[in-house]
Amino acid sequence: MKQAKNNLRLPSGVSRSAFPVRRLAFGLFWTFIVWSACGQEDPNAILEQIRSAQAEISRPLSGRLRPENGDAIPFQLQLKGSEFVYSFTNPPETIRLLLTDSGSVMTDDKSGRQQTVAGSRFTQSVRGTDITYEDLSLRFLYWKNAKYEGEQSVRTITCSVILVQPASRNSAYGSVRLWIAKNRGALIKAEGYDWQGKLIKRFEIISAQQIEGKTIFKQLRMERLDPQTGKVVSRTYLELNAGEG
């Protein structure tokens, strides 16, 4: 099968032929550059490929959350296989995400007080941005109700489209639609819908880079939408820097 071309901006020295061979799980943002072969029409098999992809990078990565109309919020990220540790300052906060075979576990440590993120806490914003704790937790990757909806192109990349739904109403999302690069297992785009079926959140990879021989996103865009008008209300960019943290 002829490989579809794509328009993702790659770093200098990274060829397009080499780009799809790495697998990397990376917090909300870890799964958006996960390259691996997987079943084309079995939605649960495709989701399992994304969940099982893990990677380690030896040093902390510098990053920032950058609201479109606000100040950038710096952080450091440590990738430890199935564990992802986000460290913020001013005020200090450490968010730990652990991916297991049966689900994800998230803890939040503020001023030395560590708490498991659960219930209504998932709907709260992370550092006042468009990202919620639920977005970071990856809970939607473990939802059992998954449906294959066919194929669509995203930036000329042929994608399998999967719709996942939670088993109960303990989520801000009534469903999440995923665009996964066919035959590569890369989550290129995701959209979250409320319980009335209205689009309220969109995630999309903008560019990628290589760090320690592993391909990872460089910039990820998150958009929050008005469910009534469908218009974008605000945007936040999550950016990683391959330089020293």
C-alpha atoms as a PDB file:
ATOM      1  CA  MET A   1       0.000   0.000   0.000  1.00  0.00           C
ATOM      2  CA  LYS A   2       1.344   3.404  -0.930  1.00  0.00           C
ATOM      3  CA  GLN A   3       2.175   5.520   2.104  1.00  0.00           C
ATOM      4  CA  ALA A   4       0.187   8.748   2.392  1.00  0.00           C
ATOM      5  CA  LYS A   5       2.150  11.967   2.458  1.00  0.00           C
ATOM      6  CA  ASN A   6       1.720  14.360   5.360  1.00  0.00           C
ATOM      7  CA  ASN A   7       2.295  18.026   6.066  1.00  0.00           C
ATOM      8  CA  LEU A   8       3.589  17.801   9.640  1.00  0.00           C
ATOM      9  CA  ARG A   9       6.654  20.012  10.030  1.00  0.00           C
ATOM     10  CA  LEU A  10       9.614  17.797  10.924  1.00  0.00           C
ATOM     11  CA  PRO A  11      12.903  18.916  12.480  1.00  0.00           C
ATOM     12  CA  SER A  12      16.103  19.230  10.493  1.00  0.00           C
ATOM     13  CA  GLY A  13      17.699  15.845   9.950  1.00  0.00           C
ATOM     14  CA  VAL A  14      14.473  13.884  10.447  1.00  0.00           C
ATOM     15  CA  SER A  15      13.379  12.225   7.224  1.00  0.00           C
ATOM     16  CA  ARG A  16       9.760  11.384   6.547  1.00  0.00           C
ATOM     17  CA  SER A  17      10.732   7.775   5.860  1.00  0.00           C
ATOM     18  CA  ALA A  18      12.210   7.503   9.364  1.00  0.00           C
ATOM     19  CA  PHE A  19       9.412   9.376  11.129  1.00  0.00           C
ATOM     20  CA  PRO A  20       6.841   6.569  11.477  1.00  0.00           C
ATOM     21  CA  VAL A  21       9.073   3.864  12.952  1.00  0.00           C
ATOM     22  CA  ARG A  22       9.275   5.075  16.550  1.00  0.00           C
ATOM     23  CA  ARG A  23       6.705   4.438  19.278  1.00  0.00           C
ATOM     24  CA  LEU A  24       6.252   6.897  22.079  1.00  0.00           C
ATOM     25  CA  ALA A  25       3.575   7.210  24.750  1.00  0.00           C
ATOM     26  CA  PHE A  26       3.541  10.693  26.192  1.00  0.00           C
ATOM     27  CA  GLY A  27       0.978  11.890  28.675  1.00  0.00           C
ATOM     28  CA  LEU A  28      -2.028  13.534  26.754  1.00  0.00           C
ATOM     29  CA  PHE A  29       0.484  14.292  24.345  1.00  0.00           C
ATOM     30  CA  TRP A  30       2.569  11.144  24.256  1.00  0.00           C
ATOM     31  CA  THR A  31      -0.013   9.274  22.224  1.00  0.00           C
ATOM     32  CA  PHE A  32      -0.116  11.863  19.480  1.00  0.00           C
ATOM     33  CA  ILE A  33       3.196  10.613  18.039  1.00  0.00           C
ATOM     34  CA  VAL A  34       2.938   6.842  18.485  1.00  0.00           C
ATOM     35  CA  TRP A  35       4.065   5.083  15.329  1.00  0.00           C
ATOM     36  CA  SER A  36       3.362   1.344  15.034  1.00  0.00           C
ATOM     37  CA  ALA A  37       1.441  -1.070  12.840  1.00  0.00           C
ATOM     38  CA  CYS A  38      -1.974  -2.075  14.160  1.00  0.00           C
ATOM     39  CA  GLY A  39      -5.283  -3.528  13.040  1.00  0.00           C
ATOM     40  CA  GLN A  40      -7.125  -1.320  10.589  1.00  0.00           C
ATOM     41  CA  GLU A  41     -10.729  -2.030  11.537  1.00  0.00           C
ATOM     42  CA  ASP A  42     -10.613  -3.383  15.114  1.00  0.00           C
ATOM     43  CA  PRO A  43     -10.959  -0.250  17.277  1.00  0.00           C
ATOM     44  CA  ASN A  44      -9.948  -2.019  20.487  1.00  0.00           C
ATOM     45  CA  ALA A  45      -6.786  -3.393  18.872  1.00  0.00           C
ATOM     46  CA  ILE A  46      -5.829   0.104  17.698  1.00  0.00           C
ATOM     47  CA  LEU A  47      -6.403   1.574  21.169  1.00  0.00           C
ATOM     48  CA  GLU A  48      -4.354  -1.232  22.754  1.00  0.00           C
ATOM     49  CA  GLN A  49      -1.421  -0.354  20.492  1.00  0.00           C
ATOM     50  CA  ILE A  50      -1.530   3.257  21.717  1.00  0.00           C
ATOM     51  CA  ARG A  51      -1.865   2.234  25.377  1.00  0.00           C
ATOM     52  CA  SER A  52       1.013  -0.241  25.266  1.00  0.00           C
ATOM     53  CA  ALA A  53       3.522   2.077  23.550  1.00  0.00           C
ATOM     54  CA  GLN A  54       6.043   3.308  26.127  1.00  0.00           C
ATOM     55  CA  ALA A  55       9.343   5.126  26.023  1.00  0.00           C
ATOM     56  CA  GLU A  56      11.969   6.620  28.310  1.00  0.00           C
ATOM     57  CA  ILE A  57      14.031   9.764  27.866  1.00  0.00           C
ATOM     58  CA  SER A  58      16.959  10.063  30.254  1.00  0.00           C
ATOM     59  CA  ARG A  59      16.709  13.762  31.056  1.00  0.00           C
ATOM     60  CA  PRO A  60      13.839  16.086  31.929  1.00  0.00           C
ATOM     61  CA  LEU A  61      12.377  17.965  28.980  1.00  0.00           C
ATOM     62  CA  SER A  62      11.620  21.665  29.073  1.00  0.00           C
ATOM     63  CA  GLY A  63       8.129  22.616  27.995  1.00  0.00           C
ATOM     64  CA  ARG A  64       5.465  25.234  28.356  1.00  0.00           C
ATOM     65  CA  LEU A  65       1.721  25.632  28.244  1.00  0.00           C
ATOM     66  CA  ARG A  66       1.068  28.732  26.144  1.00  0.00           C
ATOM     67  CA  PRO A  67      -2.450  30.169  26.177  1.00  0.00           C
ATOM     68  CA  GLU A  68      -3.100  32.161  23.021  1.00  0.00           C
ATOM     69  CA  ASN A  69      -4.154  35.171  25.105  1.00  0.00           C
ATOM     70  CA  GLY A  70      -2.013  34.767  28.206  1.00  0.00           C
ATOM     71  CA  ASP A  71       1.429  34.215  29.665  1.00  0.00           C
ATOM     72  CA  ALA A  72       3.352  31.014  28.956  1.00  0.00           C
ATOM     73  CA  ILE A  73       3.554  28.531  31.846  1.00  0.00           C
ATOM     74  CA  PRO A  74       6.884  26.648  31.936  1.00  0.00           C
ATOM     75  CA  PHE A  75       7.228  23.091  33.197  1.00  0.00           C
ATOM     76  CA  GLN A  76       9.552  20.115  33.088  1.00  0.00           C
ATOM     77  CA  LEU A  77       8.501  16.663  31.908  1.00  0.00           C
ATOM     78  CA  GLN A  78      10.151  13.376  32.812  1.00  0.00           C
ATOM     79  CA  LEU A  79       9.231  10.296  30.769  1.00  0.00           C
ATOM     80  CA  LYS A  80       9.744   7.055  32.692  1.00  0.00           C
ATOM     81  CA  GLY A  81       8.147   4.378  30.558  1.00  0.00           C
ATOM     82  CA  SER A  82       4.539   4.160  31.750  1.00  0.00           C
ATOM     83  CA  GLU A  83       4.961   7.084  34.191  1.00  0.00           C
ATOM     84  CA  PHE A  84       4.899  10.751  33.178  1.00  0.00           C
ATOM     85  CA  VAL A  85       5.853  13.467  35.669  1.00  0.00           C
ATOM     86  CA  TYR A  86       4.967  17.135  35.024  1.00  0.00           C
ATOM     87  CA  SER A  87       6.732  19.601  37.355  1.00  0.00           C
ATOM     88  CA  PHE A  88       5.553  23.219  37.622  1.00  0.00           C
ATOM     89  CA  THR A  89       6.773  26.139  39.726  1.00  0.00           C
ATOM     90  CA  ASN A  90       5.215  29.364  41.041  1.00  0.00           C
ATOM     91  CA  PRO A  91       3.296  27.814  42.696  1.00  0.00           C
ATOM     92  CA  PRO A  92       4.964  24.392  42.882  1.00  0.00           C
ATOM     93  CA  GLU A  93       2.915  21.471  41.574  1.00  0.00           C
ATOM     94  CA  THR A  94       3.810  17.934  40.475  1.00  0.00           C
ATOM     95  CA  ILE A  95       1.358  15.911  38.398  1.00  0.00           C
ATOM     96  CA  ARG A  96       2.125  12.199  38.031  1.00  0.00           C
ATOM     97  CA  LEU A  97       0.374  10.009  35.474  1.00  0.00           C
ATOM     98  CA  LEU A  98       0.766   6.223  35.597  1.00  0.00           C
ATOM     99  CA  LEU A  99      -0.630   4.124  32.742  1.00  0.00           C
ATOM    100  CA  THR A 100      -1.539   0.552  33.697  1.00  0.00           C
ATOM    101  CA  ASP A 101      -3.113  -2.376  31.859  1.00  0.00           C
ATOM    102  CA  SER A 102      -6.556  -1.529  33.231  1.00  0.00           C
ATOM    103  CA  GLY A 103      -6.533   2.267  33.353  1.00  0.00           C
ATOM    104  CA  SER A 104      -4.655   5.414  34.284  1.00  0.00           C
ATOM    105  CA  VAL A 105      -3.890   6.746  37.760  1.00  0.00           C
ATOM    106  CA  MET A 106      -3.169  10.442  38.317  1.00  0.00           C
ATOM    107  CA  THR A 107      -1.907  12.161  41.454  1.00  0.00           C
ATOM    108  CA  ASP A 108      -1.411  15.865  42.097  1.00  0.00           C
ATOM    109  CA  ASP A 109       1.105  17.163  44.635  1.00  0.00           C
ATOM    110  CA  LYS A 110       0.736  20.784  45.726  1.00  0.00           C
ATOM    111  CA  SER A 111       2.865  22.143  48.571  1.00  0.00           C
ATOM    112  CA  GLY A 112       3.786  18.644  49.730  1.00  0.00           C
ATOM    113  CA  ARG A 113       0.202  17.357  49.805  1.00  0.00           C
ATOM    114  CA  GLN A 114      -0.333  14.521  47.335  1.00  0.00           C
ATOM    115  CA  GLN A 115      -3.871  13.622  46.317  1.00  0.00           C
ATOM    116  CA  THR A 116      -5.318  11.185  43.809  1.00  0.00           C
ATOM    117  CA  VAL A 117      -7.224  13.021  41.088  1.00  0.00           C
ATOM    118  CA  ALA A 118     -10.792  11.699  40.978  1.00  0.00           C
ATOM    119  CA  GLY A 119     -14.434  12.727  40.570  1.00  0.00           C
ATOM    120  CA  SER A 120     -15.156  16.373  39.771  1.00  0.00           C
ATOM    121  CA  ARG A 121     -11.442  17.209  40.013  1.00  0.00           C
ATOM    122  CA  PHE A 122     -10.994  15.784  36.509  1.00  0.00           C
ATOM    123  CA  THR A 123     -13.022  18.630  35.020  1.00  0.00           C
ATOM    124  CA  GLN A 124     -10.807  21.328  36.563  1.00  0.00           C
ATOM    125  CA  SER A 125      -8.350  23.297  34.460  1.00  0.00           C
ATOM    126  CA  VAL A 126      -4.608  22.654  34.690  1.00  0.00           C
ATOM    127  CA  ARG A 127      -2.920  25.952  35.582  1.00  0.00           C
ATOM    128  CA  GLY A 128      -5.817  27.976  34.163  1.00  0.00           C
ATOM    129  CA  THR A 129      -5.386  26.673  30.597  1.00  0.00           C
ATOM    130  CA  ASP A 130      -7.726  24.863  28.205  1.00  0.00           C
ATOM    131  CA  ILE A 131      -6.311  21.514  29.379  1.00  0.00           C
ATOM    132  CA  THR A 132      -8.166  19.672  32.147  1.00  0.00           C
ATOM    133  CA  TYR A 133      -6.905  16.923  34.435  1.00  0.00           C
ATOM    134  CA  GLU A 134      -9.167  14.553  32.512  1.00  0.00           C
ATOM    135  CA  ASP A 135      -7.388  15.475  29.275  1.00  0.00           C
ATOM    136  CA  LEU A 136      -4.022  14.641  30.854  1.00  0.00           C
ATOM    137  CA  SER A 137      -5.311  11.394  32.404  1.00  0.00           C
ATOM    138  CA  LEU A 138      -6.013   9.676  29.036  1.00  0.00           C
ATOM    139  CA  ARG A 139      -9.104   8.021  30.472  1.00  0.00           C
ATOM    140  CA  PHE A 140     -10.781   7.928  27.070  1.00  0.00           C
ATOM    141  CA  LEU A 141      -8.130   5.475  25.804  1.00  0.00           C
ATOM    142  CA  TYR A 142      -9.544   2.885  28.231  1.00  0.00           C
ATOM    143  CA  TRP A 143     -13.220   3.284  27.426  1.00  0.00           C
ATOM    144  CA  LYS A 144     -14.572  -0.098  26.328  1.00  0.00           C
ATOM    145  CA  ASN A 145     -17.302   1.230  24.037  1.00  0.00           C
ATOM    146  CA  ALA A 146     -15.297   1.840  20.849  1.00  0.00           C
ATOM    147  CA  LYS A 147     -16.648   2.017  17.302  1.00  0.00           C
ATOM    148  CA  TYR A 148     -14.770   2.064  13.992  1.00  0.00           C
ATOM    149  CA  GLU A 149     -16.299   4.796  11.784  1.00  0.00           C
ATOM    150  CA  GLY A 150     -14.277   4.463   8.596  1.00  0.00           C
ATOM    151  CA  GLU A 151     -11.468   6.524   7.079  1.00  0.00           C
ATOM    152  CA  GLN A 152     -10.815  10.245   6.675  1.00  0.00           C
ATOM    153  CA  SER A 153      -7.838  12.343   5.629  1.00  0.00           C
ATOM    154  CA  VAL A 154      -6.171  14.809   8.004  1.00  0.00           C
ATOM    155  CA  ARG A 155      -3.576  16.998   6.295  1.00  0.00           C
ATOM    156  CA  THR A 156      -3.451  14.390   3.501  1.00  0.00           C
ATOM    157  CA  ILE A 157      -2.769  11.571   6.029  1.00  0.00           C
ATOM    158  CA  THR A 158      -5.245   8.689   5.700  1.00  0.00           C
ATOM    159  CA  CYS A 159      -6.665   8.002   9.173  1.00  0.00           C
ATOM    160  CA  SER A 160      -8.863   5.405  10.799  1.00  0.00           C
ATOM    161  CA  VAL A 161     -11.623   7.160  12.751  1.00  0.00           C
ATOM    162  CA  ILE A 162     -12.692   5.701  16.108  1.00  0.00           C
ATOM    163  CA  LEU A 163     -15.472   6.945  18.388  1.00  0.00           C
ATOM    164  CA  VAL A 164     -15.149   6.029  22.084  1.00  0.00           C
ATOM    165  CA  GLN A 165     -17.789   6.522  24.782  1.00  0.00           C
ATOM    166  CA  PRO A 166     -17.602   6.217  28.592  1.00  0.00           C
ATOM    167  CA  ALA A 167     -19.564   3.554  30.468  1.00  0.00           C
ATOM    168  CA  SER A 168     -21.051   6.145  32.863  1.00  0.00           C
ATOM    169  CA  ARG A 169     -21.592   9.904  33.091  1.00  0.00           C
ATOM    170  CA  ASN A 170     -18.511  10.536  35.244  1.00  0.00           C
ATOM    171  CA  SER A 171     -16.784  12.377  32.401  1.00  0.00           C
ATOM    172  CA  ALA A 172     -17.127  15.823  30.860  1.00  0.00           C
ATOM    173  CA  TYR A 173     -17.176  14.019  27.516  1.00  0.00           C
ATOM    174  CA  GLY A 174     -20.097  12.002  26.232  1.00  0.00           C
ATOM    175  CA  SER A 175     -17.789  10.767  23.468  1.00  0.00           C
ATOM    176  CA  VAL A 176     -14.339  11.343  21.983  1.00  0.00           C
ATOM    177  CA  ARG A 177     -13.522  10.901  18.294  1.00  0.00           C
ATOM    178  CA  LEU A 178      -9.956   9.864  17.402  1.00  0.00           C
ATOM    179  CA  TRP A 179      -8.144  10.174  14.058  1.00  0.00           C
ATOM    180  CA  ILE A 180      -5.341   7.584  13.959  1.00  0.00           C
ATOM    181  CA  ALA A 181      -2.892   7.372  11.049  1.00  0.00           C
ATOM    182  CA  LYS A 182      -3.682   4.156   9.215  1.00  0.00           C
ATOM    183  CA  ASN A 183      -1.039   1.413   9.484  1.00  0.00           C
ATOM    184  CA  ARG A 184       1.048   3.637  11.794  1.00  0.00           C
ATOM    185  CA  GLY A 185      -0.931   3.914  15.027  1.00  0.00           C
ATOM    186  CA  ALA A 186      -0.300   7.664  15.382  1.00  0.00           C
ATOM    187  CA  LEU A 187      -3.056   9.718  17.013  1.00  0.00           C
ATOM    188  CA  ILE A 188      -3.070  12.798  14.789  1.00  0.00           C
ATOM    189  CA  LYS A 189      -6.218  14.500  16.055  1.00  0.00           C
ATOM    190  CA  ALA A 190      -8.931  14.116  18.721  1.00  0.00           C
ATOM    191  CA  GLU A 191     -12.272  15.806  19.369  1.00  0.00           C
ATOM    192  CA  GLY A 192     -14.286  15.730  22.587  1.00  0.00           C
ATOM    193  CA  TYR A 193     -18.098  16.068  22.586  1.00  0.00           C
ATOM    194  CA  ASP A 194     -20.450  16.888  25.449  1.00  0.00           C
ATOM    195  CA  TRP A 195     -23.417  14.727  26.463  1.00  0.00           C
ATOM    196  CA  GLN A 196     -25.627  16.471  23.910  1.00  0.00           C
ATOM    197  CA  GLY A 197     -23.203  15.546  21.113  1.00  0.00           C
ATOM    198  CA  LYS A 198     -21.799  19.085  20.754  1.00  0.00           C
ATOM    199  CA  LEU A 199     -18.097  19.581  20.020  1.00  0.00           C
ATOM    200  CA  ILE A 200     -16.328  21.205  22.996  1.00  0.00           C
ATOM    201  CA  LYS A 201     -12.610  20.363  22.658  1.00  0.00           C
ATOM    202  CA  ARG A 202     -10.164  19.683  19.822  1.00  0.00           C
ATOM    203  CA  PHE A 203      -6.540  18.484  19.972  1.00  0.00           C
ATOM    204  CA  GLU A 204      -4.163  18.376  16.998  1.00  0.00           C
ATOM    205  CA  ILE A 205      -0.438  17.836  16.424  1.00  0.00           C
ATOM    206  CA  ILE A 206       1.189  20.785  14.610  1.00  0.00           C
ATOM    207  CA  SER A 207       4.859  19.751  14.451  1.00  0.00           C
ATOM    208  CA  ALA A 208       7.297  17.059  15.636  1.00  0.00           C
ATOM    209  CA  GLN A 209      10.954  16.620  16.598  1.00  0.00           C
ATOM    210  CA  GLN A 210      13.503  13.995  17.631  1.00  0.00           C
ATOM    211  CA  ILE A 211      14.835  13.656  21.183  1.00  0.00           C
ATOM    212  CA  GLU A 212      17.391  10.933  22.008  1.00  0.00           C
ATOM    213  CA  GLY A 213      16.467   9.140  18.796  1.00  0.00           C
ATOM    214  CA  LYS A 214      12.742   9.119  19.613  1.00  0.00           C
ATOM    215  CA  THR A 215      10.124  11.070  17.686  1.00  0.00           C
ATOM    216  CA  ILE A 216       7.895  13.241  19.855  1.00  0.00           C
ATOM    217  CA  PHE A 217       5.627  16.192  19.244  1.00  0.00           C
ATOM    218  CA  LYS A 218       7.079  19.697  19.290  1.00  0.00           C
ATOM    219  CA  GLN A 219       3.822  21.638  19.321  1.00  0.00           C
ATOM    220  CA  LEU A 220       0.304  20.464  20.132  1.00  0.00           C
ATOM    221  CA  ARG A 221      -2.706  22.760  19.765  1.00  0.00           C
ATOM    222  CA  MET A 222      -5.761  22.504  22.022  1.00  0.00           C
ATOM    223  CA  GLU A 223      -8.954  24.390  21.213  1.00  0.00           C
ATOM    224  CA  ARG A 224     -11.995  24.922  23.428  1.00  0.00           C
ATOM    225  CA  LEU A 225     -15.241  25.487  21.514  1.00  0.00           C
ATOM    226  CA  ASP A 226     -18.632  26.969  22.300  1.00  0.00           C
ATOM    227  CA  PRO A 227     -21.047  23.997  22.037  1.00  0.00           C
ATOM    228  CA  GLN A 228     -23.866  26.234  20.797  1.00  0.00           C
ATOM    229  CA  THR A 229     -22.057  28.095  18.023  1.00  0.00           C
ATOM    230  CA  GLY A 230     -19.214  25.674  17.262  1.00  0.00           C
ATOM    231  CA  LYS A 231     -16.783  28.603  17.321  1.00  0.00           C
ATOM    232  CA  VAL A 232     -13.373  28.440  18.994  1.00  0.00           C
ATOM    233  CA  VAL A 233     -13.445  30.235  22.359  1.00  0.00           C
ATOM    234  CA  SER A 234      -9.777  29.881  23.280  1.00  0.00           C
ATOM    235  CA  ARG A 235      -6.597  28.054  22.364  1.00  0.00           C
ATOM    236  CA  THR A 236      -3.677  26.670  24.346  1.00  0.00           C
ATOM    237  CA  TYR A 237      -0.450  25.326  22.843  1.00  0.00           C
ATOM    238  CA  LEU A 238       1.627  22.662  24.545  1.00  0.00           C
ATOM    239  CA  GLU A 239       5.234  22.947  23.399  1.00  0.00           C
ATOM    240  CA  LEU A 240       8.340  20.876  24.126  1.00  0.00           C
ATOM    241  CA  ASN A 241      11.945  21.981  23.714  1.00  0.00           C
ATOM    242  CA  ALA A 242      14.601  19.469  22.625  1.00  0.00           C
ATOM    243  CA  GLY A 243      17.306  21.664  24.212  1.00  0.00           C
ATOM    244  CA  GLU A 244      18.629  21.226  27.707  1.00  0.00           C
ATOM    245  CA  GLY A 245      16.024  21.722  30.435  1.00  0.00           C
END
